[in-house]
PDB file of all heavy atoms in Angstrom:
ATOM      1  N   LYS A   1     109.113  89.434 127.574  1.00  0.00           N
ATOM      2  CA  LYS A   1     109.409  90.046 128.868  1.00  0.00           C
ATOM      3  C   LYS A   1     110.238  89.049 129.661  1.00  0.00           C
ATOM      4  O   LYS A   1     109.790  87.935 129.942  1.00  0.00           O
ATOM      5  CB  LYS A   1     108.117  90.352 129.627  1.00  0.00           C
ATOM      6  CG  LYS A   1     108.342  90.864 131.041  1.00  0.00           C
ATOM      7  CD  LYS A   1     107.031  90.963 131.791  1.00  0.00           C
ATOM      8  CE  LYS A   1     107.257  91.201 133.262  1.00  0.00           C
ATOM      9  NZ  LYS A   1     106.018  91.100 134.023  1.00  0.00           N
ATOM     10  N   SER A   2     111.457  89.433 130.020  1.00  0.00           N
ATOM     11  CA  SER A   2     112.335  88.539 130.777  1.00  0.00           C
ATOM     12  C   SER A   2     111.919  88.507 132.241  1.00  0.00           C
ATOM     13  O   SER A   2     111.077  89.295 132.680  1.00  0.00           O
ATOM     14  CB  SER A   2     113.783  89.005 130.652  1.00  0.00           C
ATOM     15  OG  SER A   2     113.941  90.244 131.305  1.00  0.00           O
ATOM     16  N   LYS A   3     112.528  87.625 133.008  1.00  0.00           N
ATOM     17  CA  LYS A   3     112.218  87.529 134.443  1.00  0.00           C
ATOM     18  C   LYS A   3     112.582  88.810 135.175  1.00  0.00           C
ATOM     19  O   LYS A   3     111.990  89.133 136.194  1.00  0.00           O
ATOM     20  CB  LYS A   3     112.961  86.356 135.069  1.00  0.00           C
ATOM     21  CG  LYS A   3     112.381  85.031 134.680  1.00  0.00           C
ATOM     22  CD  LYS A   3     112.960  83.927 135.508  1.00  0.00           C
ATOM     23  CE  LYS A   3     112.295  82.635 135.088  1.00  0.00           C
ATOM     24  NZ  LYS A   3     112.320  81.622 136.101  1.00  0.00           N
ATOM     25  N   GLU A   4     113.569  89.551 134.644  1.00  0.00           N
ATOM     26  CA  GLU A   4     113.977  90.812 135.256  1.00  0.00           C
ATOM     27  C   GLU A   4     113.024  91.950 134.918  1.00  0.00           C
ATOM     28  O   GLU A   4     113.162  93.054 135.421  1.00  0.00           O
ATOM     29  CB  GLU A   4     115.394  91.200 134.797  1.00  0.00           C
ATOM     30  CG  GLU A   4     116.485  90.249 135.252  1.00  0.00           C
ATOM     31  CD  GLU A   4     116.578  88.997 134.405  1.00  0.00           C
ATOM     32  OE1 GLU A   4     116.378  89.074 133.172  1.00  0.00           O
ATOM     33  OE2 GLU A   4     116.834  87.918 134.975  1.00  0.00           O
ATOM     34  N   GLY A   5     112.072  91.717 134.014  1.00  0.00           N
ATOM     35  CA  GLY A   5     111.101  92.729 133.627  1.00  0.00           C
ATOM     36  C   GLY A   5     111.518  93.551 132.422  1.00  0.00           C
ATOM     37  O   GLY A   5     110.915  94.566 132.125  1.00  0.00           O
ATOM     38  N   GLU A   6     112.538  93.105 131.702  1.00  0.00           N
ATOM     39  CA  GLU A   6     113.026  93.808 130.523  1.00  0.00           C
ATOM     40  C   GLU A   6     112.231  93.368 129.290  1.00  0.00           C
ATOM     41  O   GLU A   6     112.048  92.181 129.049  1.00  0.00           O
ATOM     42  CB  GLU A   6     114.512  93.499 130.327  1.00  0.00           C
ATOM     43  CG  GLU A   6     115.139  94.222 129.160  1.00  0.00           C
ATOM     44  CD  GLU A   6     116.595  93.827 128.968  1.00  0.00           C
ATOM     45  OE1 GLU A   6     117.269  93.533 129.973  1.00  0.00           O
ATOM     46  OE2 GLU A   6     117.028  93.810 127.809  1.00  0.00           O
ATOM     47  N   ILE A   7     111.764  94.342 128.505  1.00  0.00           N
ATOM     48  CA  ILE A   7     110.995  94.064 127.283  1.00  0.00           C
ATOM     49  C   ILE A   7     111.933  94.190 126.088  1.00  0.00           C
ATOM     50  O   ILE A   7     112.666  95.176 125.967  1.00  0.00           O
ATOM     51  CB  ILE A   7     109.834  95.060 127.119  1.00  0.00           C
ATOM     52  CG1 ILE A   7     108.966  95.121 128.366  1.00  0.00           C
ATOM     53  CG2 ILE A   7     109.016  94.751 125.876  1.00  0.00           C
ATOM     54  CD1 ILE A   7     108.145  93.895 128.638  1.00  0.00           C
ATOM     55  N   SER A   8     111.915  93.196 125.200  1.00  0.00           N
ATOM     56  CA  SER A   8     112.755  93.251 124.008  1.00  0.00           C
ATOM     57  C   SER A   8     112.122  92.432 122.892  1.00  0.00           C
ATOM     58  O   SER A   8     111.236  91.620 123.132  1.00  0.00           O
ATOM     59  CB  SER A   8     114.157  92.731 124.312  1.00  0.00           C
ATOM     60  OG  SER A   8     114.102  91.379 124.687  1.00  0.00           O
ATOM     61  N   LEU A   9     112.614  92.651 121.668  1.00  0.00           N
ATOM     62  CA  LEU A   9     112.168  91.857 120.529  1.00  0.00           C
ATOM     63  C   LEU A   9     112.973  90.574 120.501  1.00  0.00           C
ATOM     64  O   LEU A   9     114.171  90.574 120.771  1.00  0.00           O
ATOM     65  CB  LEU A   9     112.389  92.606 119.218  1.00  0.00           C
ATOM     66  CG  LEU A   9     111.398  93.687 118.853  1.00  0.00           C
ATOM     67  CD1 LEU A   9     111.705  94.208 117.463  1.00  0.00           C
ATOM     68  CD2 LEU A   9     109.977  93.200 118.898  1.00  0.00           C
ATOM     69  N   ASP A  10     112.304  89.492 120.159  1.00  0.00           N
ATOM     70  CA  ASP A  10     112.952  88.193 120.045  1.00  0.00           C
ATOM     71  C   ASP A  10     112.783  87.731 118.606  1.00  0.00           C
ATOM     72  O   ASP A  10     111.806  87.075 118.272  1.00  0.00           O
ATOM     73  CB  ASP A  10     112.308  87.216 121.032  1.00  0.00           C
ATOM     74  CG  ASP A  10     112.931  85.839 120.976  1.00  0.00           C
ATOM     75  OD1 ASP A  10     114.004  85.703 120.372  1.00  0.00           O
ATOM     76  OD2 ASP A  10     112.344  84.913 121.554  1.00  0.00           O
ATOM     77  N   LEU A  11     113.742  88.073 117.754  1.00  0.00           N
ATOM     78  CA  LEU A  11     113.640  87.724 116.345  1.00  0.00           C
ATOM     79  C   LEU A  11     113.883  86.235 116.101  1.00  0.00           C
ATOM     80  O   LEU A  11     113.439  85.698 115.094  1.00  0.00           O
ATOM     81  CB  LEU A  11     114.616  88.573 115.530  1.00  0.00           C
ATOM     82  CG  LEU A  11     114.381  90.084 115.613  1.00  0.00           C
ATOM     83  CD1 LEU A  11     115.471  90.836 114.872  1.00  0.00           C
ATOM     84  CD2 LEU A  11     113.019  90.457 115.062  1.00  0.00           C
ATOM     85  N   THR A  12     114.554  85.552 117.039  1.00  0.00           N
ATOM     86  CA  THR A  12     114.802  84.122 116.882  1.00  0.00           C
ATOM     87  C   THR A  12     113.656  83.275 117.418  1.00  0.00           C
ATOM     88  O   THR A  12     113.487  82.136 117.011  1.00  0.00           O
ATOM     89  CB  THR A  12     116.090  83.708 117.631  1.00  0.00           C
ATOM     90  OG1 THR A  12     115.916  83.959 119.022  1.00  0.00           O
ATOM     91  CG2 THR A  12     117.294  84.465 117.112  1.00  0.00           C
ATOM     92  N   GLY A  13     112.874  83.816 118.364  1.00  0.00           N
ATOM     93  CA  GLY A  13     111.764  83.073 118.951  1.00  0.00           C
ATOM     94  C   GLY A  13     112.201  82.092 120.021  1.00  0.00           C
ATOM     95  O   GLY A  13     111.456  81.197 120.387  1.00  0.00           O
ATOM     96  N   LYS A  14     113.425  82.235 120.543  1.00  0.00           N
ATOM     97  CA  LYS A  14     113.953  81.269 121.499  1.00  0.00           C
ATOM     98  C   LYS A  14     114.311  81.867 122.859  1.00  0.00           C
ATOM     99  O   LYS A  14     114.749  81.143 123.741  1.00  0.00           O
ATOM    100  CB  LYS A  14     115.185  80.597 120.909  1.00  0.00           C
ATOM    101  CG  LYS A  14     114.873  79.828 119.639  1.00  0.00           C
ATOM    102  CD  LYS A  14     116.040  79.002 119.203  1.00  0.00           C
ATOM    103  CE  LYS A  14     115.816  78.358 117.867  1.00  0.00           C
ATOM    104  NZ  LYS A  14     114.838  77.315 117.848  1.00  0.00           N
ATOM    105  N   LYS A  15     114.136  83.173 123.053  1.00  0.00           N
ATOM    106  CA  LYS A  15     114.470  83.774 124.345  1.00  0.00           C
ATOM    107  C   LYS A  15     113.503  83.286 125.416  1.00  0.00           C
ATOM    108  O   LYS A  15     112.336  83.032 125.150  1.00  0.00           O
ATOM    109  CB  LYS A  15     114.376  85.300 124.274  1.00  0.00           C
ATOM    110  CG  LYS A  15     115.532  85.957 123.578  1.00  0.00           C
ATOM    111  CD  LYS A  15     115.412  87.451 123.697  1.00  0.00           C
ATOM    112  CE  LYS A  15     116.513  88.172 122.966  1.00  0.00           C
ATOM    113  NZ  LYS A  15     116.350  89.625 123.041  1.00  0.00           N
ATOM    114  N   ALA A  16     114.015  83.196 126.637  1.00  0.00           N
ATOM    115  CA  ALA A  16     113.185  82.772 127.761  1.00  0.00           C
ATOM    116  C   ALA A  16     112.330  83.941 128.235  1.00  0.00           C
ATOM    117  O   ALA A  16     112.768  85.083 128.218  1.00  0.00           O
ATOM    118  CB  ALA A  16     114.071  82.283 128.898  1.00  0.00           C
ATOM    119  N   GLY A  17     111.106  83.654 128.632  1.00  0.00           N
ATOM    120  CA  GLY A  17     110.224  84.679 129.166  1.00  0.00           C
ATOM    121  C   GLY A  17     108.849  84.642 128.552  1.00  0.00           C
ATOM    122  O   GLY A  17     108.543  83.835 127.674  1.00  0.00           O
ATOM    123  N   ARG A  18     108.003  85.527 129.031  1.00  0.00           N
ATOM    124  CA  ARG A  18     106.622  85.662 128.551  1.00  0.00           C
ATOM    125  C   ARG A  18     106.634  86.332 127.190  1.00  0.00           C
ATOM    126  O   ARG A  18     107.287  87.351 127.003  1.00  0.00           O
ATOM    127  CB  ARG A  18     105.844  86.502 129.563  1.00  0.00           C
ATOM    128  CG  ARG A  18     104.485  86.923 129.119  1.00  0.00           C
ATOM    129  CD  ARG A  18     103.463  85.902 129.569  1.00  0.00           C
ATOM    130  NE  ARG A  18     102.134  86.405 129.244  1.00  0.00           N
ATOM    131  CZ  ARG A  18     101.194  85.654 128.723  1.00  0.00           C
ATOM    132  NH1 ARG A  18     101.413  84.390 128.492  1.00  0.00           N
ATOM    133  NH2 ARG A  18     100.004  86.146 128.470  1.00  0.00           N
ATOM    134  N   GLY A  19     105.907  85.801 126.232  1.00  0.00           N
ATOM    135  CA  GLY A  19     105.929  86.329 124.879  1.00  0.00           C
ATOM    136  C   GLY A  19     104.583  86.812 124.391  1.00  0.00           C
ATOM    137  O   GLY A  19     103.539  86.310 124.808  1.00  0.00           O
ATOM    138  N   ALA A  20     104.620  87.811 123.518  1.00  0.00           N
ATOM    139  CA  ALA A  20     103.445  88.286 122.789  1.00  0.00           C
ATOM    140  C   ALA A  20     103.916  88.516 121.355  1.00  0.00           C
ATOM    141  O   ALA A  20     105.094  88.806 121.122  1.00  0.00           O
ATOM    142  CB  ALA A  20     102.919  89.575 123.403  1.00  0.00           C
ATOM    143  N   TYR A  21     103.022  88.393 120.405  1.00  0.00           N
ATOM    144  CA  TYR A  21     103.408  88.432 118.996  1.00  0.00           C
ATOM    145  C   TYR A  21     102.795  89.628 118.285  1.00  0.00           C
ATOM    146  O   TYR A  21     101.707  90.077 118.627  1.00  0.00           O
ATOM    147  CB  TYR A  21     102.972  87.136 118.301  1.00  0.00           C
ATOM    148  CG  TYR A  21     103.728  85.931 118.796  1.00  0.00           C
ATOM    149  CD1 TYR A  21     103.337  85.266 119.950  1.00  0.00           C
ATOM    150  CD2 TYR A  21     104.850  85.481 118.123  1.00  0.00           C
ATOM    151  CE1 TYR A  21     104.043  84.170 120.412  1.00  0.00           C
ATOM    152  CE2 TYR A  21     105.556  84.386 118.577  1.00  0.00           C
ATOM    153  CZ  TYR A  21     105.155  83.732 119.721  1.00  0.00           C
ATOM    154  OH  TYR A  21     105.862  82.656 120.189  1.00  0.00           O
ATOM    155  N   VAL A  22     103.523  90.125 117.273  1.00  0.00           N
ATOM    156  CA  VAL A  22     103.059  91.238 116.459  1.00  0.00           C
ATOM    157  C   VAL A  22     103.551  91.021 115.030  1.00  0.00           C
ATOM    158  O   VAL A  22     104.592  90.391 114.807  1.00  0.00           O
ATOM    159  CB  VAL A  22     103.547  92.598 117.042  1.00  0.00           C
ATOM    160  CG1 VAL A  22     105.046  92.755 116.928  1.00  0.00           C
ATOM    161  CG2 VAL A  22     102.830  93.765 116.420  1.00  0.00           C
ATOM    162  N   CYS A  23     102.781  91.505 114.051  1.00  0.00           N
ATOM    163  CA  CYS A  23     103.175  91.398 112.647  1.00  0.00           C
ATOM    164  C   CYS A  23     104.473  92.161 112.408  1.00  0.00           C
ATOM    165  O   CYS A  23     104.833  93.051 113.169  1.00  0.00           O
ATOM    166  CB  CYS A  23     102.092  91.987 111.741  1.00  0.00           C
ATOM    167  SG  CYS A  23     100.557  91.073 111.751  1.00  0.00           S
ATOM    168  N   LYS A  24     105.136  91.845 111.301  1.00  0.00           N
ATOM    169  CA  LYS A  24     106.401  92.496 110.979  1.00  0.00           C
ATOM    170  C   LYS A  24     106.192  93.817 110.248  1.00  0.00           C
ATOM    171  O   LYS A  24     106.925  94.133 109.313  1.00  0.00           O
ATOM    172  CB  LYS A  24     107.257  91.579 110.105  1.00  0.00           C
ATOM    173  CG  LYS A  24     107.810  90.393 110.826  1.00  0.00           C
ATOM    174  CD  LYS A  24     108.710  89.584 109.938  1.00  0.00           C
ATOM    175  CE  LYS A  24     109.214  88.365 110.655  1.00  0.00           C
ATOM    176  NZ  LYS A  24     110.059  87.534 109.814  1.00  0.00           N
ATOM    177  N   ASN A  25     105.184  94.593 110.650  1.00  0.00           N
ATOM    178  CA  ASN A  25     105.029  95.919 110.059  1.00  0.00           C
ATOM    179  C   ASN A  25     104.750  96.941 111.151  1.00  0.00           C
ATOM    180  O   ASN A  25     104.219  96.610 112.213  1.00  0.00           O
ATOM    181  CB  ASN A  25     103.956  95.943 108.954  1.00  0.00           C
ATOM    182  CG  ASN A  25     102.580  95.659 109.464  1.00  0.00           C
ATOM    183  OD1 ASN A  25     102.151  96.195 110.476  1.00  0.00           O
ATOM    184  ND2 ASN A  25     101.859  94.810 108.754  1.00  0.00           N
ATOM    185  N   ALA A  26     105.126  98.167 110.875  1.00  0.00           N
ATOM    186  CA  ALA A  26     105.034  99.234 111.877  1.00  0.00           C
ATOM    187  C   ALA A  26     103.584  99.570 112.216  1.00  0.00           C
ATOM    188  O   ALA A  26     103.304  99.996 113.342  1.00  0.00           O
ATOM    189  CB  ALA A  26     105.771 100.466 111.373  1.00  0.00           C
ATOM    190  N   GLU A  27     102.656  99.384 111.282  1.00  0.00           N
ATOM    191  CA  GLU A  27     101.249  99.706 111.530  1.00  0.00           C
ATOM    192  C   GLU A  27     100.664  98.853 112.656  1.00  0.00           C
ATOM    193  O   GLU A  27      99.956  99.361 113.519  1.00  0.00           O
ATOM    194  CB  GLU A  27     100.418  99.532 110.249  1.00  0.00           C
ATOM    195  CG  GLU A  27     100.571 100.663 109.263  1.00  0.00           C
ATOM    196  CD  GLU A  27     100.159 102.011 109.850  1.00  0.00           C
ATOM    197  OE1 GLU A  27      99.063 102.112 110.444  1.00  0.00           O
ATOM    198  OE2 GLU A  27     100.949 102.963 109.729  1.00  0.00           O
ATOM    199  N   CYS A  28     100.953  97.549 112.632  1.00  0.00           N
ATOM    200  CA  CYS A  28     100.435  96.671 113.686  1.00  0.00           C
ATOM    201  C   CYS A  28     101.056  97.018 115.032  1.00  0.00           C
ATOM    202  O   CYS A  28     100.383  96.941 116.055  1.00  0.00           O
ATOM    203  CB  CYS A  28     100.692  95.211 113.338  1.00  0.00           C
ATOM    204  SG  CYS A  28      99.470  94.542 112.197  1.00  0.00           S
ATOM    205  N   LEU A  29     102.317  97.399 115.032  1.00  0.00           N
ATOM    206  CA  LEU A  29     102.963  97.804 116.286  1.00  0.00           C
ATOM    207  C   LEU A  29     102.314  99.072 116.827  1.00  0.00           C
ATOM    208  O   LEU A  29     102.081  99.190 118.026  1.00  0.00           O
ATOM    209  CB  LEU A  29     104.463  98.012 116.080  1.00  0.00           C
ATOM    210  CG  LEU A  29     105.255  98.365 117.326  1.00  0.00           C
ATOM    211  CD1 LEU A  29     105.154  97.261 118.368  1.00  0.00           C
ATOM    212  CD2 LEU A  29     106.702  98.623 116.981  1.00  0.00           C
ATOM    213  N   LYS A  30     101.972 100.006 115.937  1.00  0.00           N
ATOM    214  CA  LYS A  30     101.296 101.241 116.366  1.00  0.00           C
ATOM    215  C   LYS A  30      99.908 100.933 116.933  1.00  0.00           C
ATOM    216  O   LYS A  30      99.498 101.517 117.937  1.00  0.00           O
ATOM    217  CB  LYS A  30     101.191 102.222 115.203  1.00  0.00           C
ATOM    218  CG  LYS A  30     102.511 102.862 114.853  1.00  0.00           C
ATOM    219  CD  LYS A  30     102.384 103.786 113.665  1.00  0.00           C
ATOM    220  CE  LYS A  30     103.744 104.308 113.242  1.00  0.00           C
ATOM    221  NZ  LYS A  30     103.693 105.111 112.035  1.00  0.00           N
ATOM    222  N   LYS A  31      99.192 100.002 116.297  1.00  0.00           N
ATOM    223  CA  LYS A  31      97.871  99.612 116.798  1.00  0.00           C
ATOM    224  C   LYS A  31      97.993  98.973 118.178  1.00  0.00           C
ATOM    225  O   LYS A  31      97.203  99.261 119.072  1.00  0.00           O
ATOM    226  CB  LYS A  31      97.209  98.615 115.840  1.00  0.00           C
ATOM    227  CG  LYS A  31      96.665  99.227 114.576  1.00  0.00           C
ATOM    228  CD  LYS A  31      96.030  98.137 113.721  1.00  0.00           C
ATOM    229  CE  LYS A  31      95.667  98.637 112.362  1.00  0.00           C
ATOM    230  NZ  LYS A  31      95.128  97.549 111.517  1.00  0.00           N
ATOM    231  N   ALA A  32      98.984  98.092 118.346  1.00  0.00           N
ATOM    232  CA  ALA A  32      99.190  97.430 119.635  1.00  0.00           C
ATOM    233  C   ALA A  32      99.548  98.448 120.707  1.00  0.00           C
ATOM    234  O   ALA A  32      99.096  98.351 121.849  1.00  0.00           O
ATOM    235  CB  ALA A  32     100.289  96.375 119.514  1.00  0.00           C
ATOM    236  N   ARG A  33     100.331  99.449 120.337  1.00  0.00           N
ATOM    237  CA  ARG A  33     100.705 100.495 121.293  1.00  0.00           C
ATOM    238  C   ARG A  33      99.490 101.320 121.689  1.00  0.00           C
ATOM    239  O   ARG A  33      99.290 101.626 122.866  1.00  0.00           O
ATOM    240  CB  ARG A  33     101.777 101.387 120.675  1.00  0.00           C
ATOM    241  CG  ARG A  33     102.283 102.447 121.616  1.00  0.00           C
ATOM    242  CD  ARG A  33     103.383 103.265 120.977  1.00  0.00           C
ATOM    243  NE  ARG A  33     103.908 104.239 121.917  1.00  0.00           N
ATOM    244  CZ  ARG A  33     104.910 105.042 121.659  1.00  0.00           C
ATOM    245  NH1 ARG A  33     105.519 104.991 120.483  1.00  0.00           N
ATOM    246  NH2 ARG A  33     105.328 105.907 122.555  1.00  0.00           N
ATOM    247  N   LYS A  34      98.645 101.647 120.709  1.00  0.00           N
ATOM    248  CA  LYS A  34      97.452 102.446 120.977  1.00  0.00           C
ATOM    249  C   LYS A  34      96.473 101.692 121.880  1.00  0.00           C
ATOM    250  O   LYS A  34      95.870 102.270 122.777  1.00  0.00           O
ATOM    251  CB  LYS A  34      96.780 102.818 119.655  1.00  0.00           C
ATOM    252  CG  LYS A  34      95.641 103.781 119.813  1.00  0.00           C
ATOM    253  CD  LYS A  34      95.083 104.192 118.461  1.00  0.00           C
ATOM    254  CE  LYS A  34      93.951 105.178 118.640  1.00  0.00           C
ATOM    255  NZ  LYS A  34      93.363 105.564 117.375  1.00  0.00           N
TER     256      LYS A  34
END
């Protein structure tokens, strides 16, 4: 989450902002969304 409030994926791991992590599979993303 950037300072402007924009949510995006950071595949490099170097973007500035608050971070949360998820596995590289769609199932974990669905669980996190639920």
